């Protein structure tokens, strides 16, 4: 009979929620075990090309598709989660998003006065910089020129980075893991602190089932092809919208939680490219630098950003084949690109099919298509104003910022998580990742996931009577049978 250590907390997932929670819980003296399905890469171990990065750092090679196969969902499968494969754009929610969240969920803490303290706390552990004009690449200059000619408001993007020479580095590589330890992912911010304070990290651990008990939670999974059972006072699910929801569905919680899997949201993104006369080199320098700051766009439910991708991804965005496609790729350095990101209105649903596989049911509604078309028309106008020879619109929808499935609320019939971030009727299960979002904010969710995870850590510690003067009591470092 194998003996397993009994932890105070088991955290499933090491991204923007899991690593933040691990930091604050270990700081208070709790014993924490972090489980991650992906691999723990050191900076010099990240893949050097996008094909290997997709295969090694994302679920299903970055090709989780919706049920209708028209939308591709991208999520990280690596220690650090999505913070390894995103561009670390960290904005606070505005009053529009916070007010909508508060109205939808009934949670009073979704307000500027309540959330600012949590934003300030997590921001104190990150180095945040606005991308200066001196670091713009050709794509950003085209974006800015088009906005200015059309009289549209724009603003610099705020990014988590430190000592990054954006002007001279090939920052598109950062989407496959930052080899310079500049990007403020979890692996250079909250996670090292948690590990230094004793958190136990097990990577390449696949969780299959969670069993909730009155005094403990059992987590069943496999590691190195060996079945494992781990025990803790409480389990924190931080595997993202798809991962967290799927684990609860696989573990049989749907019969007690009718809202589980409902309310799945994302920010559908459409990339439009333009062939320019001169070299653009959109893959060089700061990968992204600017965003739209036009109030009318916010009201219409979309935003525009300058963006690009590596050659393999750009090739997939273009329809066609043969000589025509080859000629298109031969002009890679002359391509500019702007994306429209839609704040989706109509949610989808996550569920398991009869084979136990996760199904992502997320068609694009008429209102969301109208929002996308409004943004695409603005992009067409921008590229025409800046002298584009040809405009190429990709039919592929890319779903980033996956949210919902375990929404927060007061009523068990319409939500999964309560104000204390506990799963309704299952007090030893906690969720504070993006899966609890009640709707799409239209703003990058990463920083707010960190902020609400800090709030969740306070709720967890308060439950055990922990404050600044009373340390976490650890009578639970006993052995449990596996």
Protein backbone atom coordinates (compact mmCIF):
# COMPACT_ATOMS: atom_id res chain seq x y z
CA UNK A 1 0.00 0.00 0.00
CA UNK A 2 1.64 3.21 -1.20
CA UNK A 3 1.58 6.14 1.23
CA UNK A 4 0.82 9.62 -0.05
CA UNK A 5 1.36 12.93 1.66
CA UNK A 6 -1.81 14.78 2.67
CA UNK A 7 -1.72 18.40 1.49
CA UNK A 8 -3.62 21.44 2.61
CA UNK A 9 -4.34 22.32 -1.03
CA UNK A 10 -4.03 20.56 -4.35
CA UNK A 11 -4.07 23.00 -7.28
CA UNK A 12 -4.83 21.62 -10.74
CA UNK A 13 -3.27 23.97 -13.28
CA UNK A 14 -0.31 26.35 -13.10
CA UNK A 15 -1.49 29.32 -15.14
CA UNK A 16 -2.71 32.79 -14.19
CA UNK A 17 -4.97 31.41 -11.47
CA UNK A 18 -3.11 28.38 -10.11
CA UNK A 19 0.30 30.00 -9.71
CA UNK A 20 -1.13 33.14 -8.09
CA UNK A 21 -3.09 31.05 -5.59
CA UNK A 22 -0.05 28.89 -4.88
CA UNK A 23 2.03 31.98 -4.13
CA UNK A 24 -0.39 33.45 -1.60
CA UNK A 25 -1.25 30.15 0.05
CA UNK A 26 2.38 29.09 0.51
CA UNK A 27 3.26 32.57 1.75
CA UNK A 28 0.73 31.98 4.53
CA UNK A 29 2.39 28.65 5.37
CA UNK A 30 0.01 26.18 3.72
CA UNK A 31 1.26 22.99 2.10
CA UNK A 32 0.46 23.04 -1.61
CA UNK A 33 0.77 20.49 -4.40
CA UNK A 34 0.49 21.83 -7.95
CA UNK A 35 -0.48 19.46 -10.76
CA UNK A 36 0.13 20.28 -14.42
CA UNK A 37 -0.64 18.13 -17.46
CA UNK A 38 2.09 19.84 -19.48
CA UNK A 39 5.83 19.86 -19.16
CA UNK A 40 7.99 22.20 -17.09
CA UNK A 41 10.29 23.96 -19.57
CA UNK A 42 13.31 26.02 -18.62
CA UNK A 43 13.81 29.19 -20.73
CA UNK A 44 16.52 27.61 -22.87
CA UNK A 45 14.33 24.55 -23.50
CA UNK A 46 11.40 26.22 -25.23
CA UNK A 47 10.88 25.03 -28.83
CA UNK A 48 12.67 27.16 -31.40
CA UNK A 49 9.95 27.01 -34.08
CA UNK A 50 6.19 27.38 -34.08
CA UNK A 51 5.37 23.84 -35.19
CA UNK A 52 7.19 22.28 -32.25
CA UNK A 53 5.83 24.99 -29.96
CA UNK A 54 2.26 24.16 -30.96
CA UNK A 55 2.89 20.45 -30.43
CA UNK A 56 4.73 20.84 -27.13
CA UNK A 57 2.97 23.74 -25.42
CA UNK A 58 -0.72 23.49 -26.30
CA UNK A 59 -3.55 21.02 -26.02
CA UNK A 60 -4.10 19.07 -29.24
CA UNK A 61 -1.48 21.09 -31.08
CA UNK A 62 -3.48 24.29 -30.63
CA UNK A 63 -6.33 22.82 -32.64
CA UNK A 64 -9.20 22.31 -30.20
CA UNK A 65 -12.09 22.92 -32.58
CA UNK A 66 -15.71 23.76 -31.96
CA UNK A 67 -18.39 21.20 -32.75
CA UNK A 68 -19.09 22.83 -36.12
CA UNK A 69 -15.31 22.89 -36.88
CA UNK A 70 -15.49 26.62 -37.69
CA UNK A 71 -13.67 27.93 -34.62
CA UNK A 72 -10.25 26.92 -33.29
CA UNK A 73 -9.66 27.23 -29.54
CA UNK A 74 -6.12 27.67 -28.24
CA UNK A 75 -5.10 26.80 -24.67
CA UNK A 76 -1.76 26.14 -23.00
CA UNK A 77 -0.58 22.72 -21.88
CA UNK A 78 2.64 23.63 -20.10
CA UNK A 79 3.79 24.73 -16.67
CA UNK A 80 2.71 28.37 -16.62
CA UNK A 81 -0.41 27.62 -18.65
CA UNK A 82 -1.67 30.23 -21.06
CA UNK A 83 0.81 32.81 -19.75
CA UNK A 84 3.54 30.92 -21.63
CA UNK A 85 1.84 31.12 -25.03
CA UNK A 86 0.10 34.50 -24.81
CA UNK A 87 1.63 37.94 -25.32
CA UNK A 88 1.16 38.95 -21.66
CA UNK A 89 -1.10 41.91 -22.37
CA UNK A 90 -2.35 42.98 -18.95
CA UNK A 91 -5.20 45.48 -18.74
CA UNK A 92 -7.64 46.03 -15.91
CA UNK A 93 -11.33 45.70 -16.65
CA UNK A 94 -13.12 48.97 -17.27
CA UNK A 95 -16.39 50.02 -15.63
CA UNK A 96 -18.39 48.56 -18.52
CA UNK A 97 -17.01 45.06 -17.96
CA UNK A 98 -17.15 45.25 -14.16
CA UNK A 99 -20.71 46.59 -14.13
CA UNK A 100 -21.85 43.88 -16.54
CA UNK A 101 -20.13 41.18 -14.48
CA UNK A 102 -21.75 42.48 -11.28
CA UNK A 103 -25.20 42.66 -12.84
CA UNK A 104 -24.97 39.18 -14.39
CA UNK A 105 -23.47 37.40 -11.36
CA UNK A 106 -24.82 39.38 -8.42
CA UNK A 107 -21.26 39.61 -7.03
CA UNK A 108 -20.67 43.04 -5.46
CA UNK A 109 -16.89 42.67 -5.58
CA UNK A 110 -16.97 43.20 -9.36
CA UNK A 111 -16.55 46.96 -8.97
CA UNK A 112 -13.63 49.32 -9.34
CA UNK A 113 -13.58 50.16 -5.62
CA UNK A 114 -13.42 46.48 -4.65
CA UNK A 115 -11.18 45.13 -7.43
CA UNK A 116 -8.53 47.87 -7.40
CA UNK A 117 -6.92 46.48 -4.23
CA UNK A 118 -6.54 43.08 -5.89
CA UNK A 119 -5.23 44.59 -9.12
CA UNK A 120 -2.68 46.61 -7.18
CA UNK A 121 -1.52 43.59 -5.22
CA UNK A 122 -0.87 41.31 -8.19
CA UNK A 123 0.61 44.14 -10.25
CA UNK A 124 3.20 44.68 -7.49
CA UNK A 125 4.69 41.30 -8.48
CA UNK A 126 4.89 42.11 -12.19
CA UNK A 127 6.90 44.47 -14.34
CA UNK A 128 4.45 46.29 -16.61
CA UNK A 129 5.41 48.50 -19.54
CA UNK A 130 3.61 50.30 -22.34
CA UNK A 131 5.16 49.62 -25.74
CA UNK A 132 6.83 52.90 -26.83
CA UNK A 133 6.73 54.17 -30.41
CA UNK A 134 10.48 53.57 -30.68
CA UNK A 135 9.73 49.83 -30.51
CA UNK A 136 6.99 49.77 -33.12
CA UNK A 137 7.49 47.57 -36.13
CA UNK A 138 6.19 48.29 -39.64
CA UNK A 139 2.84 46.70 -38.86
CA UNK A 140 2.26 49.04 -35.91
CA UNK A 141 3.17 52.08 -37.99
CA UNK A 142 0.61 51.10 -40.64
CA UNK A 143 -1.99 50.57 -37.92
CA UNK A 144 -1.29 53.99 -36.39
CA UNK A 145 -1.30 55.73 -39.78
CA UNK A 146 -4.68 54.25 -40.68
CA UNK A 147 -6.23 55.17 -37.34
CA UNK A 148 -4.95 58.72 -37.55
CA UNK A 149 -6.16 59.23 -41.13
CA UNK A 150 -9.63 57.99 -40.19
CA UNK A 151 -9.73 60.04 -36.96
CA UNK A 152 -9.95 56.96 -34.73
CA UNK A 153 -8.61 56.82 -31.19
CA UNK A 154 -5.81 54.36 -30.42
CA UNK A 155 -3.68 53.55 -27.37
CA UNK A 156 -0.47 51.66 -26.57
CA UNK A 157 -0.77 48.16 -25.20
CA UNK A 158 0.41 47.43 -21.67
CA UNK A 159 2.56 44.34 -21.50
CA UNK A 160 4.22 42.37 -18.74
CA UNK A 161 7.90 42.48 -19.69
CA UNK A 162 11.28 43.33 -18.25
CA UNK A 163 14.52 44.19 -20.03
CA UNK A 164 13.06 43.16 -23.38
CA UNK A 165 14.64 44.89 -26.38
CA UNK A 166 11.42 44.93 -28.41
CA UNK A 167 12.91 46.89 -31.27
CA UNK A 168 15.57 44.29 -32.06
CA UNK A 169 14.13 41.00 -30.82
CA UNK A 170 11.93 38.66 -32.82
CA UNK A 171 9.09 38.84 -30.30
CA UNK A 172 6.75 36.57 -32.23
CA UNK A 173 8.89 33.79 -30.72
CA UNK A 174 7.35 34.67 -27.34
CA UNK A 175 4.16 32.89 -28.36
CA UNK A 176 6.17 29.70 -27.97
CA UNK A 177 7.70 30.63 -24.62
CA UNK A 178 10.04 33.54 -23.87
CA UNK A 179 13.66 32.31 -23.88
CA UNK A 180 14.92 35.59 -22.32
CA UNK A 181 12.86 35.49 -19.11
CA UNK A 182 11.51 38.89 -20.06
CA UNK A 183 7.82 38.14 -20.52
CA UNK A 184 6.15 38.16 -17.12
CA UNK A 185 4.64 34.70 -17.34
CA UNK A 186 3.90 32.69 -14.21
CA UNK A 187 7.26 30.92 -14.52
CA UNK A 188 9.15 34.17 -13.87
CA UNK A 189 6.72 35.76 -11.40
CA UNK A 190 4.37 33.95 -9.02
CA UNK A 191 5.42 30.33 -9.59
CA UNK A 192 9.09 30.65 -8.52
CA UNK A 193 7.95 32.29 -5.30
CA UNK A 194 5.54 29.46 -4.54
CA UNK A 195 8.20 26.84 -5.25
CA UNK A 196 10.75 28.67 -3.09
CA UNK A 197 8.26 28.56 -0.22
CA UNK A 198 7.80 24.82 -0.47
CA UNK A 199 5.09 24.21 -3.04
CA UNK A 200 5.38 20.78 -4.64
CA UNK A 201 5.07 20.80 -8.44
CA UNK A 202 4.32 17.65 -10.43
CA UNK A 203 4.34 18.25 -14.17
CA UNK A 204 2.99 15.88 -16.82
CA UNK A 205 0.35 14.74 -14.34
CA UNK A 206 -3.00 14.00 -15.99
CA UNK A 207 -5.96 14.29 -13.63
CA UNK A 208 -8.84 11.96 -14.47
CA UNK A 209 -11.25 12.34 -11.59
CA UNK A 210 -11.95 14.33 -8.44
CA UNK A 211 -13.84 12.88 -5.50
CA UNK A 212 -15.22 15.33 -2.95
CA UNK A 213 -15.53 14.31 0.69
CA UNK A 214 -16.66 16.07 3.84
CA UNK A 215 -13.12 16.47 5.17
CA UNK A 216 -10.91 15.89 2.17
CA UNK A 217 -10.70 15.64 -1.61
CA UNK A 218 -9.13 12.78 -3.53
CA UNK A 219 -7.54 13.47 -6.91
CA UNK A 220 -7.04 10.51 -9.23
CA UNK A 221 -4.64 10.67 -12.17
CA UNK A 222 -1.62 9.27 -13.94
CA UNK A 223 2.01 10.32 -13.85
CA UNK A 224 4.66 8.57 -15.92
CA UNK A 225 2.01 6.00 -16.89
CA UNK A 226 1.49 5.15 -13.21
CA UNK A 227 -1.85 5.62 -11.48
CA UNK A 228 -1.74 8.04 -8.57
CA UNK A 229 -4.11 9.23 -5.85
CA UNK A 230 -3.43 12.46 -4.01
CA UNK A 231 -5.34 13.86 -1.02
CA UNK A 232 -5.88 17.35 0.34
CA UNK A 233 -8.12 19.38 2.56
CA UNK A 234 -9.24 21.29 -0.49
CA UNK A 235 -8.81 21.08 -4.24
CA UNK A 236 -8.51 24.19 -6.41
CA UNK A 237 -9.39 23.76 -10.07
CA UNK A 238 -7.33 26.16 -12.17
CA UNK A 239 -7.21 24.35 -15.50
CA UNK A 240 -8.98 27.06 -17.48
CA UNK A 241 -12.46 27.14 -18.93
CA UNK A 242 -12.18 23.91 -20.92
CA UNK A 243 -9.99 21.98 -18.49
CA UNK A 244 -11.81 22.88 -15.28
CA UNK A 245 -15.25 22.28 -16.76
CA UNK A 246 -14.20 18.98 -18.32
CA UNK A 247 -12.78 17.69 -15.02
CA UNK A 248 -16.01 18.43 -13.18
CA UNK A 249 -18.06 16.82 -15.95
CA UNK A 250 -15.85 13.71 -15.97
CA UNK A 251 -16.11 13.50 -12.20
CA UNK A 252 -19.90 13.35 -12.28
CA UNK A 253 -20.76 16.76 -10.82
CA UNK A 254 -23.24 17.67 -13.57
CA UNK A 255 -26.13 15.89 -11.84
CA UNK A 256 -25.80 18.26 -8.86
CA UNK A 257 -24.81 21.35 -10.86
CA UNK A 258 -27.30 22.02 -13.65
CA UNK A 259 -25.37 25.09 -14.84
CA UNK A 260 -22.10 23.17 -15.30
CA UNK A 261 -20.89 23.63 -18.87
CA UNK A 262 -23.34 26.44 -19.61
CA UNK A 263 -22.31 30.00 -20.41
CA UNK A 264 -19.15 29.29 -22.40
CA UNK A 265 -17.72 32.51 -23.81
CA UNK A 266 -14.63 33.58 -25.74
CA UNK A 267 -13.35 36.47 -27.83
CA UNK A 268 -13.65 35.26 -31.45
CA UNK A 269 -10.85 36.81 -33.46
CA UNK A 270 -10.58 37.35 -37.19
CA UNK A 271 -7.25 38.23 -38.81
CA UNK A 272 -7.11 40.34 -41.96
CA UNK A 273 -3.90 40.73 -43.91
CA UNK A 274 -2.89 43.31 -46.47
CA UNK A 275 -0.20 43.09 -49.12
CA UNK A 276 1.82 46.31 -49.04
CA UNK A 277 4.27 47.76 -51.56
CA UNK A 278 7.14 48.02 -49.08
CA UNK A 279 8.69 45.61 -46.61
CA UNK A 280 6.66 45.50 -43.37
CA UNK A 281 8.40 42.74 -41.37
CA UNK A 282 5.42 42.37 -39.07
CA UNK A 283 7.13 39.35 -37.47
CA UNK A 284 9.98 41.51 -36.16
CA UNK A 285 10.12 43.79 -33.13
CA UNK A 286 7.25 44.15 -30.69
CA UNK A 287 4.70 41.52 -31.68
CA UNK A 288 1.82 43.76 -30.64
CA UNK A 289 2.00 47.42 -29.71
CA UNK A 290 -1.34 49.15 -30.23
CA UNK A 291 -5.03 48.69 -29.56
CA UNK A 292 -8.15 50.59 -30.51
CA UNK A 293 -9.36 53.10 -27.93
CA UNK A 294 -12.40 54.26 -29.85
CA UNK A 295 -15.47 54.49 -27.56
CA UNK A 296 -17.74 53.66 -30.50
CA UNK A 297 -15.93 50.33 -30.98
CA UNK A 298 -16.40 49.44 -27.32
CA UNK A 299 -20.11 50.17 -27.60
CA UNK A 300 -20.35 48.07 -30.76
CA UNK A 301 -18.66 45.12 -29.05
CA UNK A 302 -15.30 44.78 -30.80
CA UNK A 303 -11.72 46.02 -30.70
CA UNK A 304 -8.83 46.11 -33.17
CA UNK A 305 -5.19 45.22 -32.53
CA UNK A 306 -2.11 45.02 -34.70
CA UNK A 307 -1.02 41.40 -34.71
CA UNK A 308 0.82 38.82 -36.77
CA UNK A 309 1.96 35.20 -36.66
CA UNK A 310 4.75 32.89 -37.76
CA UNK A 311 4.88 31.57 -41.33
CA UNK A 312 3.15 28.27 -40.54
CA UNK A 313 0.19 30.04 -38.93
CA UNK A 314 -0.03 32.66 -41.67
CA UNK A 315 -0.03 29.87 -44.26
CA UNK A 316 -3.01 28.26 -42.51
CA UNK A 317 -4.93 31.53 -42.49
CA UNK A 318 -4.83 31.82 -46.28
CA UNK A 319 -7.20 29.71 -48.34
CA UNK A 320 -6.09 28.06 -51.55
CA UNK A 321 -3.10 25.95 -52.52
CA UNK A 322 -0.45 25.43 -55.15
CA UNK A 323 1.22 28.28 -57.01
CA UNK A 324 -1.26 30.89 -55.78
CA UNK A 325 -0.58 30.04 -52.16
CA UNK A 326 3.16 29.89 -52.80
CA UNK A 327 3.10 33.38 -54.29
CA UNK A 328 1.22 34.61 -51.24
CA UNK A 329 3.82 33.19 -48.85
CA UNK A 330 6.64 34.62 -50.96
CA UNK A 331 5.34 38.04 -49.93
CA UNK A 332 5.41 37.22 -46.20
CA UNK A 333 7.64 40.21 -45.38
CA UNK A 334 5.24 42.58 -47.18
CA UNK A 335 2.20 41.52 -45.20
CA UNK A 336 0.52 43.74 -42.63
CA UNK A 337 -2.15 42.35 -40.33
CA UNK A 338 -4.90 43.65 -38.04
CA UNK A 339 -7.33 41.53 -36.07
CA UNK A 340 -10.83 42.24 -34.87
CA UNK A 341 -11.71 40.65 -31.53
CA UNK A 342 -15.41 40.34 -30.78
CA UNK A 343 -17.00 40.57 -27.35
CA UNK A 344 -19.37 37.67 -27.86
CA UNK A 345 -22.95 38.11 -26.77
CA UNK A 346 -24.47 34.64 -27.07
CA UNK A 347 -22.78 31.91 -24.99
CA UNK A 348 -22.04 28.36 -26.02
CA UNK A 349 -22.03 25.11 -24.09
CA UNK A 350 -19.44 22.55 -23.00
CA UNK A 351 -20.48 18.92 -22.58
CA UNK A 352 -19.25 15.36 -22.99
CA UNK A 353 -20.31 13.15 -25.88
CA UNK A 354 -21.19 9.47 -25.55
CA UNK A 355 -17.49 8.60 -25.78
CA UNK A 356 -16.61 10.91 -22.90
CA UNK A 357 -14.87 13.50 -25.08
CA UNK A 358 -15.35 17.22 -24.50
CA UNK A 359 -17.59 18.93 -27.05
CA UNK A 360 -17.29 22.68 -27.58
CA UNK A 361 -20.63 23.91 -28.87
CA UNK A 362 -19.95 27.54 -29.82
CA UNK A 363 -21.62 28.76 -33.01
CA UNK A 364 -21.30 32.44 -33.84
CA UNK A 365 -24.64 34.18 -33.37
CA UNK A 366 -26.09 36.75 -35.73
CA UNK A 367 -25.28 39.60 -33.36
CA UNK A 368 -21.68 38.40 -32.98
CA UNK A 369 -21.32 38.13 -36.76
CA UNK A 370 -22.59 41.70 -37.06
CA UNK A 371 -19.97 42.84 -34.57
CA UNK A 372 -17.26 41.03 -36.49
CA UNK A 373 -18.40 42.56 -39.78
CA UNK A 374 -18.37 46.06 -38.26
CA UNK A 375 -14.76 45.52 -37.18
CA UNK A 376 -13.75 44.00 -40.50
CA UNK A 377 -15.13 47.01 -42.34
CA UNK A 378 -12.97 49.30 -40.20
CA UNK A 379 -9.92 47.19 -41.05
CA UNK A 380 -10.71 47.41 -44.76
CA UNK A 381 -10.91 51.20 -44.45
CA UNK A 382 -7.58 51.33 -42.57
CA UNK A 383 -5.75 49.27 -45.17
CA UNK A 384 -7.24 51.25 -48.07
CA UNK A 385 -6.11 54.49 -46.40
CA UNK A 386 -2.57 53.12 -46.03
CA UNK A 387 -2.11 52.01 -49.63
CA UNK A 388 -2.70 48.26 -49.48
CA UNK A 389 -2.32 46.52 -52.85
CA UNK A 390 -4.61 43.69 -51.80
CA UNK A 391 -6.65 42.79 -48.72
CA UNK A 392 -6.85 39.13 -47.66
CA UNK A 393 -9.49 38.16 -45.11
CA UNK A 394 -9.06 34.81 -43.38
CA UNK A 395 -12.20 32.71 -42.93
CA UNK A 396 -10.75 31.03 -39.84
CA UNK A 397 -12.14 32.03 -36.44
CA UNK A 398 -9.65 31.82 -33.59
CA UNK A 399 -11.13 31.63 -30.10
CA UNK A 400 -8.82 33.18 -27.53
CA UNK A 401 -9.58 34.03 -23.90
CA UNK A 402 -11.73 30.99 -23.21
CA UNK A 403 -14.15 31.76 -20.38
CA UNK A 404 -17.18 30.37 -18.60
CA UNK A 405 -18.58 26.90 -18.06
CA UNK A 406 -18.43 27.23 -14.25
CA UNK A 407 -19.92 30.69 -13.86
CA UNK A 408 -20.03 32.50 -10.56
CA UNK A 409 -23.39 33.46 -9.08
CA UNK A 410 -25.76 33.27 -6.15
CA UNK A 411 -28.16 30.64 -7.47
CA UNK A 412 -27.07 27.01 -7.84
CA UNK A 413 -29.58 26.54 -10.65
CA UNK A 414 -27.85 29.13 -12.84
CA UNK A 415 -24.25 29.11 -11.60
CA UNK A 416 -21.52 26.77 -10.34
CA UNK A 417 -19.41 28.88 -7.96
CA UNK A 418 -20.48 31.10 -5.05
CA UNK A 419 -19.07 34.39 -3.73
CA UNK A 420 -16.40 32.54 -1.73
CA UNK A 421 -15.29 30.80 -4.96
CA UNK A 422 -16.58 27.47 -3.63
CA UNK A 423 -18.45 25.10 -5.89
CA UNK A 424 -22.11 25.11 -4.77
CA UNK A 425 -22.72 22.32 -2.23
CA UNK A 426 -19.10 21.17 -2.51
CA UNK A 427 -17.21 23.45 -0.10
CA UNK A 428 -13.86 21.68 -0.52
CA UNK A 429 -13.71 22.58 -4.22
CA UNK A 430 -12.58 26.08 -5.22
CA UNK A 431 -12.46 27.73 -8.66
CA UNK A 432 -11.13 31.20 -9.49
CA UNK A 433 -9.90 30.84 -13.08
CA UNK A 434 -11.56 32.16 -16.23
CA UNK A 435 -14.18 29.42 -16.14
CA UNK A 436 -16.12 31.38 -13.49
CA UNK A 437 -16.60 34.43 -15.75
CA UNK A 438 -20.33 35.07 -16.22
CA UNK A 439 -19.85 36.64 -19.65
CA UNK A 440 -17.17 37.94 -22.01
CA UNK A 441 -15.56 41.25 -20.92
CA UNK A 442 -14.22 42.38 -24.29
CA UNK A 443 -10.86 42.94 -22.54
CA UNK A 444 -7.96 40.55 -22.10
CA UNK A 445 -8.94 38.53 -19.01
CA UNK A 446 -5.49 37.50 -17.71
CA UNK A 447 -4.90 40.26 -15.16
CA UNK A 448 -8.40 39.97 -13.75
CA UNK A 449 -7.97 36.21 -13.39
CA UNK A 450 -4.88 36.94 -11.30
CA UNK A 451 -6.72 39.60 -9.28
CA UNK A 452 -9.74 37.44 -8.50
CA UNK A 453 -7.38 34.56 -7.63
CA UNK A 454 -5.78 36.82 -5.03
CA UNK A 455 -9.25 37.48 -3.67
CA UNK A 456 -9.95 33.73 -3.66
CA UNK A 457 -6.76 33.13 -1.67
CA UNK A 458 -8.00 35.60 0.95
CA UNK A 459 -11.32 33.76 1.17
CA UNK A 460 -9.57 30.40 1.57
CA UNK A 461 -7.18 31.65 4.24
CA UNK A 462 -9.97 33.42 6.13
CA UNK A 463 -11.82 30.12 6.26
CA UNK A 464 -8.88 28.72 8.24
CA UNK A 465 -8.61 31.82 10.44
CA UNK A 466 -5.37 33.00 8.81
CA UNK A 467 -4.46 36.68 8.77
CA UNK A 468 -1.31 38.77 8.95
CA UNK A 469 -0.63 37.75 12.54
CA UNK A 470 -1.95 34.19 12.69
CA UNK A 471 0.02 31.67 10.59
CA UNK A 472 -1.54 28.78 8.75
CA UNK A 473 -1.95 25.81 11.06
CA UNK A 474 -0.55 22.61 9.59
CA UNK A 475 -1.83 19.59 11.45
CA UNK A 476 -2.55 17.91 8.13
CA UNK A 477 0.92 16.75 7.15
CA UNK A 478 -0.12 13.27 8.05
CA UNK A 479 0.02 10.29 5.71
CA UNK A 480 -2.95 9.12 3.69
CA UNK A 481 -3.36 5.72 2.12
CA UNK A 482 -3.36 5.55 -1.65
